[in-house]
């Protein structure tokens, strides 16, 4: 139950940011290199996905950007 709800592009001086949400919880901003929780680290933030590293795994996990429902016009 983990979804990528958005990304904020990084630059030469600032890391990329992933907007991650566990099922039933509020979204959290997690910078490249930081941990979402004790087992999941954000390895790399790309425009349409993030690479996550699970503790003890050598191969990163790719989490694609989740489609968001369209906003209703007033």
Protein backbone atom coordinates (compact mmCIF):
# COMPACT_ATOMS: atom_id res chain seq x y z
CA UNK A 1 0.00 0.00 0.00
CA UNK A 2 2.44 2.73 -1.04
CA UNK A 3 1.63 5.28 -3.75
CA UNK A 4 3.68 8.00 -5.41
CA UNK A 5 1.33 10.99 -5.56
CA UNK A 6 3.75 13.53 -6.99
CA UNK A 7 7.33 14.61 -7.49
CA UNK A 8 9.26 17.86 -7.14
CA UNK A 9 12.23 18.00 -9.48
CA UNK A 10 15.66 18.42 -7.94
CA UNK A 11 18.49 20.63 -9.12
CA UNK A 12 22.26 20.75 -8.86
CA UNK A 13 21.92 22.19 -5.35
CA UNK A 14 18.72 20.54 -4.07
CA UNK A 15 17.56 16.91 -4.05
CA UNK A 16 14.37 15.77 -5.76
CA UNK A 17 11.35 15.24 -3.53
CA UNK A 18 8.86 12.36 -3.69
CA UNK A 19 5.32 12.78 -2.36
CA UNK A 20 4.56 9.32 -0.95
CA UNK A 21 1.45 8.05 0.81
CA UNK A 22 0.80 4.75 2.54
CA UNK A 23 -2.76 3.44 2.26
CA UNK A 24 -5.05 5.35 4.61
CA UNK A 25 -2.37 7.87 5.64
CA UNK A 26 -1.52 11.44 4.71
CA UNK A 27 1.12 12.07 2.02
CA UNK A 28 4.70 12.69 3.15
CA UNK A 29 7.47 14.62 1.38
CA UNK A 30 10.66 12.52 1.20
CA UNK A 31 13.92 13.83 -0.29
CA UNK A 32 16.30 11.71 -2.37
CA UNK A 33 18.55 9.79 0.01
CA UNK A 34 16.07 9.98 2.91
CA UNK A 35 13.98 7.18 4.41
CA UNK A 36 10.18 7.01 4.07
CA UNK A 37 10.18 4.58 6.99
CA UNK A 38 12.78 2.33 8.60
CA UNK A 39 12.73 -0.07 5.63
CA UNK A 40 12.21 2.12 2.54
CA UNK A 41 14.71 4.68 1.24
CA UNK A 42 14.08 7.06 -1.68
CA UNK A 43 17.03 6.36 -3.96
CA UNK A 44 16.20 8.61 -6.94
CA UNK A 45 13.36 10.94 -7.96
CA UNK A 46 12.51 11.06 -11.69
CA UNK A 47 9.74 13.05 -13.46
CA UNK A 48 7.33 10.07 -13.64
CA UNK A 49 8.61 7.61 -11.02
CA UNK A 50 10.89 7.06 -8.05
CA UNK A 51 13.45 4.38 -7.34
CA UNK A 52 13.10 2.97 -3.83
CA UNK A 53 15.60 0.81 -1.99
CA UNK A 54 14.24 -1.73 0.45
CA UNK A 55 16.52 -2.46 3.39
CA UNK A 56 18.76 -5.40 2.52
CA UNK A 57 17.84 -5.51 -1.20
CA UNK A 58 20.49 -4.84 -3.83
CA UNK A 59 18.01 -4.03 -6.61
CA UNK A 60 15.87 -0.86 -6.37
CA UNK A 61 12.08 -0.97 -6.72
CA UNK A 62 10.43 1.33 -9.30
CA UNK A 63 7.26 3.07 -8.11
CA UNK A 64 5.39 4.88 -10.95
CA UNK A 65 3.48 8.10 -10.47
CA UNK A 66 -0.13 7.26 -9.52
CA UNK A 67 -2.82 8.72 -11.79
CA UNK A 68 -4.87 11.30 -9.95
CA UNK A 69 -8.59 11.76 -10.55
CA UNK A 70 -9.42 14.91 -12.53
CA UNK A 71 -10.59 17.88 -10.50
CA UNK A 72 -14.20 18.89 -11.02
CA UNK A 73 -14.76 22.32 -12.51
CA UNK A 74 -16.97 24.64 -10.44
